[in-house]
Amino acid sequence: MIQVCIMSGHDGYLASDKKFYLTLMGGCDLICPTLARQIVAKRERERNGSSHAPKQFFLTIMGATEITAPTLAQEFMDLRDLLQSGSITMADWDRHSGDVGRADVSVGSLSLMGGFSDSELPTEDDEINALALQRHLGHISEAEGVALQYGIGRRGAERRASVRRAATSSAVTA
C-alpha cells in the first residue's frame, strides 16, 4: 500500500502491514502501535506462518516524517482493553514485552532536504494532557494515573513497568 502526502500533512498510526510512505513538501506524523497491539499482531503473523515484521519505507523530500511512541495513557488503555477481552494475558505481556521491538516493523528511509525522526517519545506536555483527559473522562483512575506518571520521559523497561503497575493496580481495585 502507498501513503502519499504532497504539500500537506498526515497524522495517523504506523501501519501494521507493508507500506510505502511518500512525503513531498509536507509533514507525516505517525504514532507507533501500542505494545499490546504489537503482541497481538506478532501472534497473528506467527499463526499465519510469517515470522518477519512488515517492511515500511519512507521517502521524504523537502518535508518531515516523525514516528512517535504512543502516550502512556494509550498504552495502558489498550493493554487493559485487550486483557479484558481475553486477547492477551498479563503473562503474554510479560513474556513478549521484551521481544517486541519499538514498532515491530522494519523501517527504511531516504530523506532529501527534509527530516526523518524515529523512536521519539511523546513530549511531557502530551503525556500529561493525555493522562489528564483520560482521568477527566473516567477512563483512568487516580491510582492508575499515579502509576503511569512514573513512566513519563522513560524508555524501555521503565516505561513498560509503569504500564504494568497501572494495569495491576486496576486489577486489584476492580
N, C-alpha and C. Protein backbone atom coordinates (compact mmCIF):
# COMPACT_ATOMS: atom_id res chain seq x y z
N MET A 1 0.83 -1.17 0.00
CA MET A 1 0.00 0.00 0.00
C MET A 1 0.88 1.24 0.00
N ILE A 2 0.39 2.32 -0.59
CA ILE A 2 1.15 3.57 -0.69
C ILE A 2 0.39 4.67 0.05
N GLN A 3 1.12 5.46 0.83
CA GLN A 3 0.57 6.63 1.51
C GLN A 3 1.31 7.84 0.95
N VAL A 4 0.59 8.76 0.29
CA VAL A 4 1.20 9.91 -0.34
C VAL A 4 0.73 11.18 0.36
N CYS A 5 1.68 12.07 0.64
CA CYS A 5 1.37 13.35 1.26
C CYS A 5 2.17 14.41 0.49
N ILE A 6 1.47 15.26 -0.26
CA ILE A 6 2.13 16.28 -1.07
C ILE A 6 1.66 17.66 -0.62
N MET A 7 2.59 18.49 -0.19
CA MET A 7 2.33 19.86 0.24
C MET A 7 1.18 19.94 1.25
N SER A 8 1.16 18.99 2.17
CA SER A 8 0.14 18.97 3.21
C SER A 8 0.66 18.13 4.37
N GLY A 9 -0.21 17.74 5.26
CA GLY A 9 0.20 16.96 6.41
C GLY A 9 -0.63 15.71 6.58
N HIS A 10 -0.05 14.74 7.24
CA HIS A 10 -0.75 13.49 7.54
C HIS A 10 -0.44 13.09 8.97
N ASP A 11 -1.47 12.88 9.76
CA ASP A 11 -1.35 12.36 11.12
C ASP A 11 -2.06 11.02 11.15
N GLY A 12 -1.48 10.07 11.82
CA GLY A 12 -2.13 8.76 11.91
C GLY A 12 -1.26 7.77 12.64
N TYR A 13 -1.62 6.51 12.45
CA TYR A 13 -0.90 5.42 13.09
C TYR A 13 -0.03 4.71 12.08
N LEU A 14 1.12 4.26 12.52
CA LEU A 14 2.03 3.49 11.69
C LEU A 14 1.33 2.19 11.31
N ALA A 15 1.29 1.89 10.04
CA ALA A 15 0.58 0.70 9.56
C ALA A 15 1.25 -0.57 10.07
N SER A 16 0.44 -1.60 10.23
CA SER A 16 1.00 -2.88 10.67
C SER A 16 1.25 -3.81 9.48
N ASP A 17 1.03 -3.32 8.27
CA ASP A 17 1.30 -4.11 7.08
C ASP A 17 2.37 -3.42 6.24
N LYS A 18 2.79 -4.05 5.17
CA LYS A 18 3.80 -3.50 4.28
C LYS A 18 3.27 -2.20 3.67
N LYS A 19 4.10 -1.13 3.72
CA LYS A 19 3.62 0.15 3.24
C LYS A 19 4.77 1.03 2.78
N PHE A 20 4.49 1.89 1.80
CA PHE A 20 5.44 2.87 1.29
C PHE A 20 4.84 4.25 1.56
N TYR A 21 5.60 5.10 2.25
CA TYR A 21 5.17 6.46 2.58
C TYR A 21 5.98 7.44 1.74
N LEU A 22 5.31 8.30 1.00
CA LEU A 22 5.95 9.33 0.20
C LEU A 22 5.47 10.68 0.70
N THR A 23 6.40 11.51 1.17
CA THR A 23 6.06 12.84 1.67
C THR A 23 6.86 13.86 0.87
N LEU A 24 6.16 14.72 0.12
CA LEU A 24 6.78 15.78 -0.68
C LEU A 24 6.32 17.13 -0.14
N MET A 25 7.26 17.92 0.34
CA MET A 25 6.98 19.26 0.86
C MET A 25 5.80 19.26 1.83
N GLY A 26 5.82 18.30 2.74
CA GLY A 26 4.75 18.20 3.73
C GLY A 26 5.25 17.53 4.98
N GLY A 27 4.33 17.16 5.83
CA GLY A 27 4.69 16.53 7.08
C GLY A 27 3.89 15.27 7.31
N CYS A 28 4.54 14.26 7.84
CA CYS A 28 3.91 12.99 8.14
C CYS A 28 4.23 12.66 9.60
N ASP A 29 3.23 12.70 10.46
CA ASP A 29 3.41 12.40 11.88
C ASP A 29 2.65 11.13 12.20
N LEU A 30 3.39 10.10 12.59
CA LEU A 30 2.79 8.79 12.85
C LEU A 30 3.04 8.36 14.28
N ILE A 31 2.10 7.58 14.82
CA ILE A 31 2.23 7.02 16.15
C ILE A 31 2.38 5.51 16.01
N CYS A 32 3.36 4.96 16.71
CA CYS A 32 3.57 3.51 16.69
C CYS A 32 2.38 2.81 17.35
N PRO A 33 2.13 1.57 16.96
CA PRO A 33 1.10 0.81 17.68
C PRO A 33 1.54 0.57 19.12
N THR A 34 0.58 0.40 20.00
CA THR A 34 0.90 0.12 21.39
C THR A 34 1.53 -1.27 21.49
N LEU A 35 2.25 -1.49 22.57
CA LEU A 35 2.92 -2.77 22.77
C LEU A 35 1.91 -3.92 22.81
N ALA A 36 0.77 -3.72 23.44
CA ALA A 36 -0.25 -4.76 23.49
C ALA A 36 -0.73 -5.12 22.09
N ARG A 37 -0.94 -4.13 21.24
CA ARG A 37 -1.37 -4.39 19.85
C ARG A 37 -0.24 -5.06 19.05
N GLN A 38 1.00 -4.71 19.35
CA GLN A 38 2.14 -5.36 18.69
C GLN A 38 2.19 -6.84 19.04
N ILE A 39 1.90 -7.16 20.29
CA ILE A 39 1.90 -8.56 20.73
C ILE A 39 0.82 -9.34 19.97
N VAL A 40 -0.37 -8.76 19.86
CA VAL A 40 -1.46 -9.41 19.13
C VAL A 40 -1.09 -9.58 17.66
N ALA A 41 -0.51 -8.55 17.04
CA ALA A 41 -0.13 -8.61 15.63
C ALA A 41 0.97 -9.65 15.40
N LYS A 42 1.93 -9.71 16.32
CA LYS A 42 3.02 -10.69 16.19
C LYS A 42 2.47 -12.11 16.27
N ARG A 43 1.58 -12.33 17.22
CA ARG A 43 0.97 -13.65 17.37
C ARG A 43 0.18 -14.03 16.11
N GLU A 44 -0.53 -13.07 15.53
CA GLU A 44 -1.30 -13.31 14.30
C GLU A 44 -0.38 -13.66 13.13
N ARG A 45 0.73 -12.93 13.01
CA ARG A 45 1.70 -13.24 11.95
C ARG A 45 2.27 -14.65 12.11
N GLU A 46 2.58 -15.03 13.35
CA GLU A 46 3.12 -16.36 13.61
C GLU A 46 2.10 -17.43 13.27
N ARG A 47 0.82 -17.18 13.57
CA ARG A 47 -0.24 -18.12 13.21
C ARG A 47 -0.35 -18.30 11.69
N ASN A 48 -0.10 -17.19 10.97
CA ASN A 48 -0.18 -17.24 9.50
C ASN A 48 1.11 -17.72 8.85
N GLY A 49 2.10 -18.09 9.67
CA GLY A 49 3.34 -18.64 9.15
C GLY A 49 4.38 -17.60 8.75
N SER A 50 4.18 -16.36 9.12
CA SER A 50 5.15 -15.31 8.78
C SER A 50 5.88 -14.88 10.05
N SER A 51 7.19 -15.02 10.03
CA SER A 51 7.97 -14.62 11.20
C SER A 51 8.60 -13.24 11.03
N HIS A 52 8.52 -12.69 9.82
CA HIS A 52 9.16 -11.41 9.54
C HIS A 52 8.20 -10.25 9.76
N ALA A 53 8.73 -9.20 10.33
CA ALA A 53 7.94 -7.98 10.52
C ALA A 53 7.71 -7.33 9.16
N PRO A 54 6.59 -6.65 8.98
CA PRO A 54 6.33 -5.98 7.70
C PRO A 54 7.34 -4.88 7.44
N LYS A 55 7.66 -4.68 6.18
CA LYS A 55 8.63 -3.66 5.79
C LYS A 55 7.92 -2.35 5.47
N GLN A 56 8.44 -1.26 6.03
CA GLN A 56 7.93 0.07 5.78
C GLN A 56 9.07 0.88 5.17
N PHE A 57 8.76 1.68 4.16
CA PHE A 57 9.79 2.54 3.58
C PHE A 57 9.25 3.95 3.50
N PHE A 58 10.08 4.91 3.90
CA PHE A 58 9.71 6.32 3.92
C PHE A 58 10.61 7.09 2.97
N LEU A 59 10.03 7.79 2.01
CA LEU A 59 10.75 8.69 1.14
C LEU A 59 10.23 10.09 1.46
N THR A 60 11.10 10.93 2.00
CA THR A 60 10.73 12.27 2.42
C THR A 60 11.56 13.27 1.64
N ILE A 61 10.90 14.13 0.87
CA ILE A 61 11.59 15.14 0.06
C ILE A 61 11.05 16.52 0.46
N MET A 62 11.95 17.37 0.94
CA MET A 62 11.59 18.72 1.37
C MET A 62 10.40 18.72 2.32
N GLY A 63 10.46 17.83 3.28
CA GLY A 63 9.40 17.72 4.28
C GLY A 63 9.94 17.04 5.52
N ALA A 64 9.05 16.54 6.33
CA ALA A 64 9.48 15.89 7.56
C ALA A 64 8.57 14.72 7.88
N THR A 65 9.18 13.66 8.41
CA THR A 65 8.45 12.50 8.89
C THR A 65 8.88 12.25 10.32
N GLU A 66 7.91 12.08 11.21
CA GLU A 66 8.21 11.82 12.62
C GLU A 66 7.37 10.65 13.09
N ILE A 67 8.04 9.65 13.67
CA ILE A 67 7.37 8.49 14.24
C ILE A 67 7.54 8.56 15.76
N THR A 68 6.42 8.59 16.47
CA THR A 68 6.41 8.79 17.91
C THR A 68 5.79 7.58 18.60
N ALA A 69 6.26 7.28 19.79
CA ALA A 69 5.66 6.23 20.62
C ALA A 69 4.28 6.70 21.09
N PRO A 70 3.38 5.77 21.36
CA PRO A 70 2.08 6.16 21.91
C PRO A 70 2.25 6.71 23.33
N THR A 71 1.29 7.48 23.77
CA THR A 71 1.34 8.00 25.14
C THR A 71 1.14 6.85 26.12
N LEU A 72 1.53 7.07 27.34
CA LEU A 72 1.31 6.07 28.39
C LEU A 72 -0.17 5.78 28.57
N ALA A 73 -1.01 6.80 28.41
CA ALA A 73 -2.46 6.60 28.52
C ALA A 73 -2.94 5.65 27.43
N GLN A 74 -2.46 5.83 26.20
CA GLN A 74 -2.84 4.94 25.11
C GLN A 74 -2.34 3.52 25.38
N GLU A 75 -1.09 3.40 25.82
CA GLU A 75 -0.51 2.08 26.12
C GLU A 75 -1.36 1.36 27.17
N PHE A 76 -1.68 2.06 28.25
CA PHE A 76 -2.43 1.46 29.34
C PHE A 76 -3.84 1.07 28.90
N MET A 77 -4.54 1.96 28.23
CA MET A 77 -5.92 1.69 27.85
C MET A 77 -6.01 0.52 26.86
N ASP A 78 -5.06 0.43 25.92
CA ASP A 78 -5.04 -0.71 25.01
C ASP A 78 -4.76 -2.00 25.75
N LEU A 79 -3.78 -1.98 26.66
CA LEU A 79 -3.47 -3.17 27.44
C LEU A 79 -4.69 -3.61 28.24
N ARG A 80 -5.30 -2.69 28.94
CA ARG A 80 -6.47 -3.02 29.76
C ARG A 80 -7.60 -3.59 28.89
N ASP A 81 -7.86 -2.96 27.74
CA ASP A 81 -8.94 -3.42 26.86
C ASP A 81 -8.66 -4.82 26.32
N LEU A 82 -7.42 -5.08 25.92
CA LEU A 82 -7.07 -6.39 25.38
C LEU A 82 -7.04 -7.46 26.47
N LEU A 83 -6.67 -7.08 27.70
CA LEU A 83 -6.74 -8.01 28.82
C LEU A 83 -8.19 -8.37 29.11
N GLN A 84 -9.06 -7.36 29.15
CA GLN A 84 -10.48 -7.60 29.45
C GLN A 84 -11.17 -8.42 28.38
N SER A 85 -10.75 -8.26 27.12
CA SER A 85 -11.38 -9.01 26.03
C SER A 85 -10.81 -10.43 25.92
N GLY A 86 -9.72 -10.70 26.62
CA GLY A 86 -9.10 -12.02 26.56
C GLY A 86 -8.15 -12.20 25.38
N SER A 87 -7.87 -11.12 24.66
CA SER A 87 -6.96 -11.21 23.51
C SER A 87 -5.53 -11.49 23.94
N ILE A 88 -5.15 -10.97 25.10
CA ILE A 88 -3.84 -11.27 25.68
C ILE A 88 -4.01 -11.44 27.19
N THR A 89 -3.00 -12.03 27.81
CA THR A 89 -2.98 -12.15 29.26
C THR A 89 -1.78 -11.36 29.78
N MET A 90 -1.73 -11.16 31.06
CA MET A 90 -0.59 -10.46 31.64
C MET A 90 0.68 -11.30 31.45
N ALA A 91 0.53 -12.62 31.42
CA ALA A 91 1.69 -13.49 31.15
C ALA A 91 2.20 -13.26 29.73
N ASP A 92 1.28 -13.05 28.76
CA ASP A 92 1.70 -12.71 27.39
C ASP A 92 2.47 -11.41 27.39
N TRP A 93 1.96 -10.41 28.10
CA TRP A 93 2.62 -9.11 28.19
C TRP A 93 4.03 -9.27 28.74
N ASP A 94 4.15 -10.01 29.86
CA ASP A 94 5.46 -10.20 30.49
C ASP A 94 6.41 -10.95 29.57
N ARG A 95 5.92 -11.98 28.91
CA ARG A 95 6.75 -12.82 28.06
C ARG A 95 7.21 -12.08 26.80
N HIS A 96 6.32 -11.31 26.20
CA HIS A 96 6.62 -10.71 24.90
C HIS A 96 7.07 -9.25 24.97
N SER A 97 6.91 -8.59 26.10
CA SER A 97 7.24 -7.16 26.14
C SER A 97 8.71 -6.90 25.87
N GLY A 98 9.57 -7.84 26.19
CA GLY A 98 10.98 -7.68 25.88
C GLY A 98 11.33 -8.08 24.45
N ASP A 99 10.48 -8.95 23.85
CA ASP A 99 10.73 -9.45 22.50
C ASP A 99 10.28 -8.48 21.42
N VAL A 100 9.15 -7.84 21.65
CA VAL A 100 8.57 -6.98 20.63
C VAL A 100 9.33 -5.67 20.62
N GLY A 101 9.74 -5.24 19.44
CA GLY A 101 10.55 -4.04 19.30
C GLY A 101 9.73 -2.77 19.35
N ARG A 102 10.36 -1.69 19.06
CA ARG A 102 9.77 -0.36 19.08
C ARG A 102 8.44 -0.32 18.35
N ALA A 103 8.39 -0.84 17.17
CA ALA A 103 7.13 -0.86 16.44
C ALA A 103 6.93 -2.17 15.72
N ASP A 104 7.81 -3.13 15.96
CA ASP A 104 7.73 -4.44 15.36
C ASP A 104 7.54 -4.38 13.84
N VAL A 105 8.21 -3.42 13.22
CA VAL A 105 8.25 -3.30 11.76
C VAL A 105 9.68 -3.01 11.35
N SER A 106 9.98 -3.31 10.10
CA SER A 106 11.29 -3.00 9.54
C SER A 106 11.17 -1.67 8.80
N VAL A 107 11.90 -0.66 9.25
CA VAL A 107 11.76 0.69 8.70
C VAL A 107 13.01 1.07 7.92
N GLY A 108 12.80 1.56 6.70
CA GLY A 108 13.87 2.12 5.89
C GLY A 108 13.45 3.52 5.48
N SER A 109 14.42 4.40 5.29
CA SER A 109 14.04 5.76 4.92
C SER A 109 15.10 6.41 4.05
N LEU A 110 14.64 7.36 3.25
CA LEU A 110 15.51 8.22 2.47
C LEU A 110 14.92 9.62 2.56
N SER A 111 15.71 10.56 3.04
CA SER A 111 15.27 11.95 3.18
C SER A 111 16.16 12.85 2.35
N LEU A 112 15.56 13.66 1.49
CA LEU A 112 16.27 14.64 0.69
C LEU A 112 15.75 16.02 1.05
N MET A 113 16.62 16.86 1.55
CA MET A 113 16.24 18.20 2.00
C MET A 113 15.03 18.14 2.94
N GLY A 114 15.07 17.19 3.83
CA GLY A 114 13.98 17.03 4.78
C GLY A 114 14.48 16.35 6.03
N GLY A 115 13.56 15.90 6.85
CA GLY A 115 13.95 15.27 8.10
C GLY A 115 13.16 14.01 8.35
N PHE A 116 13.79 13.08 9.06
CA PHE A 116 13.15 11.83 9.45
C PHE A 116 13.51 11.57 10.90
N SER A 117 12.52 11.40 11.75
CA SER A 117 12.73 11.17 13.16
C SER A 117 11.99 9.91 13.57
N ASP A 118 12.70 9.02 14.22
CA ASP A 118 12.15 7.72 14.59
C ASP A 118 12.35 7.49 16.08
N SER A 119 11.46 6.77 16.70
CA SER A 119 11.56 6.37 18.11
C SER A 119 11.50 7.55 19.08
N GLU A 120 10.75 8.56 18.73
CA GLU A 120 10.59 9.70 19.63
C GLU A 120 9.55 9.38 20.69
N LEU A 121 9.79 9.84 21.90
CA LEU A 121 8.78 9.75 22.95
C LEU A 121 7.83 10.92 22.83
N PRO A 122 6.58 10.76 23.27
CA PRO A 122 5.70 11.92 23.32
C PRO A 122 6.29 12.96 24.28
N THR A 123 6.00 14.22 24.03
CA THR A 123 6.51 15.25 24.93
C THR A 123 5.86 15.11 26.31
N GLU A 124 6.50 15.70 27.30
CA GLU A 124 5.95 15.65 28.66
C GLU A 124 4.55 16.27 28.68
N ASP A 125 4.36 17.36 27.96
CA ASP A 125 3.05 18.00 27.90
C ASP A 125 2.00 17.08 27.27
N ASP A 126 2.39 16.39 26.19
CA ASP A 126 1.45 15.44 25.55
C ASP A 126 1.07 14.33 26.51
N GLU A 127 2.05 13.81 27.25
CA GLU A 127 1.78 12.74 28.22
C GLU A 127 0.83 13.22 29.32
N ILE A 128 1.13 14.38 29.89
CA ILE A 128 0.32 14.91 30.99
C ILE A 128 -1.09 15.23 30.50
N ASN A 129 -1.20 15.84 29.32
CA ASN A 129 -2.52 16.16 28.77
C ASN A 129 -3.34 14.91 28.49
N ALA A 130 -2.70 13.87 27.95
CA ALA A 130 -3.41 12.62 27.67
C ALA A 130 -3.89 11.96 28.96
N LEU A 131 -3.03 11.94 29.98
CA LEU A 131 -3.43 11.38 31.28
C LEU A 131 -4.56 12.20 31.90
N ALA A 132 -4.43 13.52 31.85
CA ALA A 132 -5.47 14.39 32.44
C ALA A 132 -6.81 14.19 31.74
N LEU A 133 -6.79 14.10 30.42
CA LEU A 133 -8.03 13.91 29.67
C LEU A 133 -8.69 12.58 30.03
N GLN A 134 -7.90 11.51 30.05
CA GLN A 134 -8.47 10.19 30.35
C GLN A 134 -8.92 10.09 31.81
N ARG A 135 -8.24 10.78 32.71
CA ARG A 135 -8.69 10.84 34.11
C ARG A 135 -10.01 11.59 34.19
N HIS A 136 -10.09 12.72 33.49
CA HIS A 136 -11.31 13.53 33.48
C HIS A 136 -12.50 12.74 32.92
N LEU A 137 -12.25 11.95 31.88
CA LEU A 137 -13.31 11.16 31.25
C LEU A 137 -13.66 9.91 32.06
N GLY A 138 -12.85 9.60 33.07
CA GLY A 138 -13.11 8.44 33.91
C GLY A 138 -12.56 7.14 33.37
N HIS A 139 -11.71 7.21 32.36
CA HIS A 139 -11.13 6.00 31.77
C HIS A 139 -9.92 5.51 32.54
N ILE A 140 -9.31 6.40 33.32
CA ILE A 140 -8.14 6.07 34.11
C ILE A 140 -8.39 6.55 35.54
N SER A 141 -8.21 5.64 36.50
CA SER A 141 -8.42 6.00 37.90
C SER A 141 -7.23 6.81 38.43
N GLU A 142 -7.39 7.33 39.63
CA GLU A 142 -6.30 8.10 40.24
C GLU A 142 -5.08 7.22 40.46
N ALA A 143 -5.28 6.00 40.98
CA ALA A 143 -4.16 5.09 41.24
C ALA A 143 -3.45 4.72 39.93
N GLU A 144 -4.21 4.47 38.88
CA GLU A 144 -3.62 4.14 37.59
C GLU A 144 -2.83 5.33 37.04
N GLY A 145 -3.38 6.52 37.19
CA GLY A 145 -2.71 7.73 36.72
C GLY A 145 -1.39 7.96 37.43
N VAL A 146 -1.38 7.75 38.73
CA VAL A 146 -0.15 7.92 39.51
C VAL A 146 0.91 6.92 39.04
N ALA A 147 0.50 5.66 38.82
CA ALA A 147 1.46 4.64 38.36
C ALA A 147 2.00 5.01 36.98
N LEU A 148 1.15 5.53 36.10
CA LEU A 148 1.58 5.88 34.75
C LEU A 148 2.51 7.10 34.74
N GLN A 149 2.33 8.02 35.67
CA GLN A 149 3.16 9.23 35.71
C GLN A 149 4.64 8.89 35.86
N TYR A 150 4.95 7.78 36.52
CA TYR A 150 6.35 7.39 36.71
C TYR A 150 7.03 7.03 35.39
N GLY A 151 6.25 6.74 34.35
CA GLY A 151 6.84 6.37 33.07
C GLY A 151 7.10 7.54 32.14
N ILE A 152 6.65 8.73 32.51
CA ILE A 152 6.82 9.89 31.63
C ILE A 152 8.32 10.17 31.43
N GLY A 153 8.71 10.27 30.17
CA GLY A 153 10.10 10.54 29.82
C GLY A 153 11.02 9.33 29.89
N ARG A 154 10.47 8.18 30.23
CA ARG A 154 11.27 6.95 30.36
C ARG A 154 11.14 6.11 29.09
N ARG A 155 12.14 5.30 28.86
CA ARG A 155 12.15 4.38 27.71
C ARG A 155 12.22 2.94 28.21
N GLY A 156 11.95 2.02 27.32
CA GLY A 156 12.18 0.61 27.57
C GLY A 156 11.47 0.04 28.77
N ALA A 157 12.24 -0.70 29.57
CA ALA A 157 11.67 -1.46 30.69
C ALA A 157 10.99 -0.56 31.72
N GLU A 158 11.55 0.62 31.97
CA GLU A 158 10.94 1.53 32.95
C GLU A 158 9.55 1.98 32.50
N ARG A 159 9.43 2.26 31.21
CA ARG A 159 8.14 2.70 30.65
C ARG A 159 7.13 1.55 30.71
N ARG A 160 7.57 0.35 30.30
CA ARG A 160 6.67 -0.81 30.33
C ARG A 160 6.27 -1.16 31.76
N ALA A 161 7.19 -1.00 32.71
CA ALA A 161 6.88 -1.31 34.10
C ALA A 161 5.80 -0.38 34.65
N SER A 162 5.81 0.87 34.23
CA SER A 162 4.76 1.81 34.67
C SER A 162 3.40 1.38 34.16
N VAL A 163 3.36 0.94 32.91
CA VAL A 163 2.10 0.48 32.33
C VAL A 163 1.63 -0.78 33.05
N ARG A 164 2.56 -1.68 33.33
CA ARG A 164 2.21 -2.92 34.04
C ARG A 164 1.70 -2.62 35.44
N ARG A 165 2.37 -1.71 36.16
CA ARG A 165 1.92 -1.33 37.51
C ARG A 165 0.51 -0.77 37.47
N ALA A 166 0.24 0.07 36.47
CA ALA A 166 -1.11 0.64 36.36
C ALA A 166 -2.13 -0.45 36.08
N ALA A 167 -1.78 -1.39 35.23
CA ALA A 167 -2.71 -2.48 34.89
C ALA A 167 -2.97 -3.37 36.09
N THR A 168 -1.94 -3.66 36.88
CA THR A 168 -2.14 -4.50 38.05
C THR A 168 -2.83 -3.73 39.17
N SER A 169 -2.63 -2.42 39.24
CA SER A 169 -3.36 -1.63 40.25
C SER A 169 -4.83 -1.58 39.91
N SER A 170 -5.18 -1.58 38.62
CA SER A 170 -6.59 -1.58 38.24
C SER A 170 -7.21 -2.94 38.47
N ALA A 171 -6.42 -4.02 38.33
CA ALA A 171 -6.94 -5.37 38.58
C ALA A 171 -7.22 -5.54 40.08
N VAL A 172 -6.38 -4.92 40.92
CA VAL A 172 -6.56 -5.02 42.37
C VAL A 172 -7.79 -4.23 42.81
N THR A 173 -7.99 -3.06 42.21
CA THR A 173 -9.11 -2.20 42.62
C THR A 173 -10.42 -2.57 41.95
N ALA A 174 -10.37 -3.38 40.88
CA ALA A 174 -11.60 -3.74 40.17
C ALA A 174 -12.38 -4.81 40.88
